[in-house]
Amino acid sequence: MKVFAENRKAKNSYDFHEFYEAGVVLSGPETKSVRNGAVSIVDAFGIIDDEEAYVMEMNIEPYKYANISDYDPKSPRKLLLHKGEIKKLIGLLSQKGYTLIATKVFEKNGFIKIEFALAKGRKDYDKRKKIINKEHLKEIKNY
């Protein structure tokens, strides 16, 4: 499994509850660009609209050898999920505070996939508490 992009910032900002793996619909030049590593998912999140899942704000740079005019690098891209998973996500996302956050873009069996996490945002004091606990664990480990 080759990882093309990872959202490390999200680990500090969100509490992850469940992970989902989804295929993504890409054009040929977009696929080549992702395989070259020209993808960013720092601000990427998932939405469900009319029982179809989409990834928003995923930035795929244009492939330099493609002859594409008016290409939008942050256009919404459709996710490939089973209907049962989408219905389950609709129910979970309707609860207050939950969102779908993109955590990884990777290749599995020749297909480009995105790993999503059902996440709940952390408050600032929760973030500080996590940092303090991490520092305490380091001090204990050093002794």
Protein backbone atom coordinates (compact mmCIF):
# COMPACT_ATOMS: atom_id res chain seq x y z
CA MET A 1 0.00 0.00 0.00
CA LYS A 2 1.54 3.28 -1.14
CA VAL A 3 0.42 6.45 0.67
CA PHE A 4 0.27 9.59 -1.50
CA ALA A 5 -0.99 12.10 1.10
CA GLU A 6 -1.77 12.10 4.79
CA ASN A 7 -3.63 14.59 6.97
CA ARG A 8 -1.52 14.73 10.14
CA LYS A 9 -3.06 17.99 11.32
CA ALA A 10 -6.43 16.30 11.76
CA LYS A 11 -5.11 13.97 14.47
CA ASN A 12 -4.67 16.95 16.78
CA SER A 13 -7.92 18.72 15.91
CA TYR A 14 -10.40 15.81 15.93
CA ASP A 15 -11.31 12.68 17.87
CA PHE A 16 -11.66 9.82 15.41
CA HIS A 17 -14.46 7.31 15.99
CA GLU A 18 -14.71 5.14 12.85
CA PHE A 19 -12.69 4.79 9.66
CA TYR A 20 -14.06 4.23 6.16
CA GLU A 21 -12.28 3.40 2.92
CA ALA A 22 -13.72 4.77 -0.32
CA GLY A 23 -12.74 4.78 -3.95
CA VAL A 24 -12.70 8.12 -5.72
CA VAL A 25 -13.76 9.01 -9.27
CA LEU A 26 -10.85 10.70 -11.05
CA SER A 27 -10.04 11.55 -14.66
CA GLY A 28 -6.90 10.15 -16.30
CA PRO A 29 -4.67 13.21 -15.80
CA GLU A 30 -5.87 13.53 -12.19
CA THR A 31 -4.88 9.91 -11.54
CA LYS A 32 -1.41 10.50 -12.93
CA SER A 33 -1.06 13.64 -10.85
CA VAL A 34 -2.07 11.80 -7.65
CA ARG A 35 0.39 9.00 -8.38
CA ASN A 36 3.11 11.65 -8.74
CA GLY A 37 2.23 12.88 -5.26
CA ALA A 38 0.68 16.21 -6.31
CA VAL A 39 -2.31 15.88 -3.96
CA SER A 40 -3.16 17.63 -0.70
CA ILE A 41 -5.94 16.72 1.74
CA VAL A 42 -5.22 19.20 4.53
CA ASP A 43 -8.65 20.84 4.28
CA ALA A 44 -10.51 17.89 2.69
CA PHE A 45 -13.79 16.69 4.12
CA GLY A 46 -16.66 14.49 2.98
CA ILE A 47 -20.30 15.35 2.43
CA ILE A 48 -23.34 13.32 1.51
CA ASP A 49 -25.72 14.96 -0.94
CA ASP A 50 -28.78 13.18 -2.31
CA GLU A 51 -27.47 9.77 -1.17
CA GLU A 52 -24.14 10.25 -2.95
CA ALA A 53 -20.85 10.91 -1.17
CA TYR A 54 -18.39 13.57 -2.30
CA VAL A 55 -14.99 14.77 -1.15
CA MET A 56 -14.64 18.54 -1.01
CA GLU A 57 -11.51 20.74 -0.93
CA MET A 58 -9.14 17.95 -2.00
CA ASN A 59 -6.45 19.72 -4.01
CA ILE A 60 -5.07 17.80 -7.01
CA GLU A 61 -2.56 19.81 -9.00
CA PRO A 62 -2.96 19.69 -12.80
CA TYR A 63 -0.84 17.10 -14.57
CA LYS A 64 1.89 19.02 -16.35
CA TYR A 65 1.75 16.98 -19.59
CA ALA A 66 -2.04 17.10 -19.93
CA ASN A 67 -3.67 19.56 -22.30
CA ILE A 68 -6.48 20.68 -20.02
CA SER A 69 -7.96 24.16 -20.02
CA ASP A 70 -10.12 25.57 -17.20
CA TYR A 71 -9.16 22.81 -14.72
CA ASP A 72 -10.33 23.32 -11.13
CA PRO A 73 -7.92 21.61 -8.69
CA LYS A 74 -10.43 21.73 -5.80
CA SER A 75 -13.55 20.54 -7.59
CA PRO A 76 -15.80 18.08 -5.70
CA ARG A 77 -15.07 14.46 -6.52
CA LYS A 78 -17.48 11.57 -6.13
CA LEU A 79 -16.72 8.83 -3.63
CA LEU A 80 -17.50 5.19 -4.26
CA LEU A 81 -19.23 3.72 -1.22
CA HIS A 82 -21.88 1.03 -0.77
CA LYS A 83 -25.46 2.23 -0.24
CA GLY A 84 -25.53 0.69 3.21
CA GLU A 85 -22.42 2.63 4.24
CA ILE A 86 -23.91 5.87 2.89
CA LYS A 87 -27.16 5.35 4.79
CA LYS A 88 -25.23 4.61 7.97
CA LEU A 89 -23.15 7.75 7.48
CA ILE A 90 -26.26 9.87 6.90
CA GLY A 91 -27.52 8.79 10.31
CA LEU A 92 -24.18 9.36 12.03
CA LEU A 93 -23.56 12.75 10.41
CA SER A 94 -26.97 14.00 11.48
CA GLN A 95 -25.77 13.87 15.09
CA LYS A 96 -24.37 17.14 16.39
CA GLY A 97 -20.65 17.72 15.95
CA TYR A 98 -19.76 14.81 13.66
CA THR A 99 -18.06 15.24 10.30
CA LEU A 100 -16.15 13.18 7.74
CA ILE A 101 -12.46 14.09 7.58
CA ALA A 102 -10.08 12.77 4.92
CA THR A 103 -7.07 11.20 6.61
CA LYS A 104 -5.17 9.41 3.80
CA VAL A 105 -4.96 9.03 0.03
CA PHE A 106 -3.39 5.73 -0.94
CA GLU A 107 -3.21 3.05 -3.62
CA LYS A 108 -4.64 -0.40 -2.96
CA ASN A 109 -4.64 -3.13 -5.61
CA GLY A 110 -3.99 -0.55 -8.33
CA PHE A 111 -6.89 1.71 -7.31
CA ILE A 112 -6.63 5.12 -5.66
CA LYS A 113 -8.59 5.21 -2.42
CA ILE A 114 -9.31 7.71 0.33
CA GLU A 115 -9.52 6.87 4.02
CA PHE A 116 -12.14 8.90 5.87
CA ALA A 117 -12.67 9.18 9.61
CA LEU A 118 -15.95 9.92 11.31
CA ALA A 119 -14.68 12.60 13.65
CA LYS A 120 -15.80 15.02 16.31
CA GLY A 121 -13.98 18.33 16.72
CA ARG A 122 -11.91 18.97 19.83
CA LYS A 123 -12.07 22.11 21.91
CA ASP A 124 -8.88 24.07 22.60
CA TYR A 125 -8.69 22.87 26.20
CA ASP A 126 -8.95 19.25 25.02
CA LYS A 127 -6.00 19.82 22.68
CA ARG A 128 -3.91 21.29 25.50
CA LYS A 129 -4.85 18.39 27.80
CA LYS A 130 -3.70 15.89 25.17
CA ILE A 131 -0.35 17.68 24.75
CA ILE A 132 0.20 17.79 28.54
CA ASN A 133 -0.59 14.06 28.88
CA LYS A 134 1.81 13.27 26.04
CA GLU A 135 4.61 15.24 27.74
CA HIS A 136 3.96 13.46 31.05
CA LEU A 137 4.20 10.08 29.34
CA LYS A 138 7.55 11.09 27.79
CA GLU A 139 8.91 12.15 31.19
CA ILE A 140 7.78 8.90 32.80
CA LYS A 141 9.35 6.89 29.97
CA ASN A 142 12.69 8.72 30.37
CA TYR A 143 12.96 7.80 34.07
